[in-house]
Amino acid sequence: MRLPAYALLGIAIVAEVIATSAMRASEGFSRLVPSVVVVLGYGVAFYCLSLTLKSVPVGVVYAVWSGAGIVLITLVAVVLYRQVPDVPAIIGLGLIMAGVTVLNMFSKMQAH
């Protein structure tokens, strides 16, 4: 069974968020288990990202991947590390989400 491009992109985003979260826990790659999670997570993320690029334009893929990743990592940081964003950060995150939404809903760039 072949997964749709946006399902692969979703997997890439989740894997990247897990890997980035584990990177902090790896303490500079000095802890084995979180370090392995980082390497595997980024491996899965980039593999799925590469498959997504077969059918979705790179600009769209990267905008969604990076935008969603930024927002999700911020949410993880709030929950796990109590790193609460201030008002300018929240506004910036909103602008990132708005930009990704505009790109996907109104741009003529689309999957081929």
Protein backbone atom coordinates (compact mmCIF):
# COMPACT_ATOMS: atom_id res chain seq x y z
CA MET A 1 0.00 0.00 0.00
CA ARG A 2 1.35 3.39 -1.00
CA LEU A 3 0.64 6.27 1.37
CA PRO A 4 -0.64 9.58 -0.01
CA ALA A 5 1.95 12.37 -0.18
CA TYR A 6 0.38 14.40 2.62
CA ALA A 7 0.25 11.34 4.90
CA LEU A 8 3.99 10.89 4.32
CA LEU A 9 4.48 14.58 5.04
CA GLY A 10 2.54 14.17 8.29
CA ILE A 11 4.78 11.25 9.29
CA ALA A 12 7.84 13.35 8.44
CA ILE A 13 6.59 16.20 10.62
CA VAL A 14 5.84 13.94 13.59
CA ALA A 15 9.20 12.16 13.26
CA GLU A 16 11.03 15.50 13.13
CA VAL A 17 9.19 16.78 16.21
CA ILE A 18 10.04 13.59 18.12
CA ALA A 19 13.69 13.80 17.02
CA THR A 20 14.00 17.45 17.97
CA SER A 21 12.40 16.82 21.36
CA ALA A 22 14.78 13.92 21.96
CA MET A 23 17.74 16.10 21.00
CA ARG A 24 17.26 18.21 24.11
CA ALA A 25 16.97 15.05 26.20
CA SER A 26 20.16 13.64 24.65
CA GLU A 27 22.18 16.29 26.50
CA GLY A 28 24.62 16.88 23.66
CA PHE A 29 24.41 13.26 22.48
CA SER A 30 25.79 12.06 25.82
CA ARG A 31 22.74 9.88 26.58
CA LEU A 32 22.36 6.80 24.38
CA VAL A 33 18.59 6.26 24.13
CA PRO A 34 17.60 9.86 23.32
CA SER A 35 20.54 10.06 20.88
CA VAL A 36 19.30 6.98 19.03
CA VAL A 37 15.80 8.48 18.92
CA VAL A 38 17.27 11.65 17.36
CA VAL A 39 19.09 9.75 14.61
CA LEU A 40 16.17 7.43 13.84
CA GLY A 41 13.63 10.25 14.00
CA TYR A 42 15.51 12.44 11.57
CA GLY A 43 16.15 9.43 9.33
CA VAL A 44 12.43 8.69 9.13
CA ALA A 45 11.62 12.38 8.70
CA PHE A 46 14.00 12.91 5.78
CA TYR A 47 13.04 9.62 4.12
CA CYS A 48 9.33 10.48 4.22
CA LEU A 49 10.12 14.04 3.16
CA SER A 50 12.02 12.74 0.13
CA LEU A 51 9.07 10.56 -0.87
CA THR A 52 6.70 13.51 -0.51
CA LEU A 53 8.86 15.54 -2.89
CA LYS A 54 8.07 13.08 -5.71
CA SER A 55 4.59 14.54 -6.06
CA VAL A 56 4.38 17.84 -4.13
CA PRO A 57 6.40 20.97 -5.00
CA VAL A 58 9.40 21.54 -2.76
CA GLY A 59 8.23 25.01 -1.70
CA VAL A 60 4.91 23.66 -0.46
CA VAL A 61 6.50 20.67 1.26
CA TYR A 62 9.10 22.74 3.04
CA ALA A 63 6.62 25.41 4.11
CA VAL A 64 4.26 22.85 5.63
CA TRP A 65 7.07 20.75 7.15
CA SER A 66 8.93 23.63 8.73
CA GLY A 67 5.83 25.62 9.74
CA ALA A 68 4.05 22.70 11.35
CA GLY A 69 7.31 21.59 12.96
CA ILE A 70 7.90 25.02 14.52
CA VAL A 71 4.39 25.17 15.95
CA LEU A 72 4.43 21.58 17.24
CA ILE A 73 7.90 21.90 18.77
CA THR A 74 6.73 25.02 20.57
CA LEU A 75 3.74 23.09 21.97
CA VAL A 76 6.02 20.23 23.06
CA ALA A 77 8.35 22.75 24.75
CA VAL A 78 5.39 24.22 26.64
CA VAL A 79 4.23 20.81 27.87
CA LEU A 80 7.56 19.09 28.54
CA TYR A 81 9.88 21.94 29.45
CA ARG A 82 7.49 24.67 30.65
CA GLN A 83 8.91 27.06 28.02
CA VAL A 84 5.90 29.31 27.58
CA PRO A 85 6.06 31.64 24.54
CA ASP A 86 5.47 35.33 25.09
CA VAL A 87 3.03 37.46 23.09
CA PRO A 88 5.45 38.27 20.22
CA ALA A 89 6.25 34.55 19.88
CA ILE A 90 2.56 33.68 19.76
CA ILE A 91 1.97 36.34 17.10
CA GLY A 92 4.90 34.99 15.09
CA LEU A 93 3.58 31.43 15.33
CA GLY A 94 0.18 32.68 14.16
CA LEU A 95 1.81 34.36 11.19
CA ILE A 96 3.67 31.15 10.31
CA MET A 97 0.41 29.19 10.42
CA ALA A 98 -1.34 31.86 8.34
CA GLY A 99 1.44 31.78 5.76
CA VAL A 100 1.30 28.00 5.39
CA THR A 101 -2.50 28.17 5.13
CA VAL A 102 -2.38 30.85 2.42
CA LEU A 103 0.24 28.89 0.49
CA ASN A 104 -1.84 25.72 0.56
CA MET A 105 -5.27 27.24 -0.05
CA PHE A 106 -4.60 30.03 -2.51
CA SER A 107 -1.31 29.35 -4.28
CA LYS A 108 -1.31 27.89 -7.77
CA MET A 109 1.56 25.63 -6.69
CA GLN A 110 0.04 22.21 -6.28
CA ALA A 111 0.83 18.52 -6.43
CA HIS A 112 1.56 17.15 -9.89
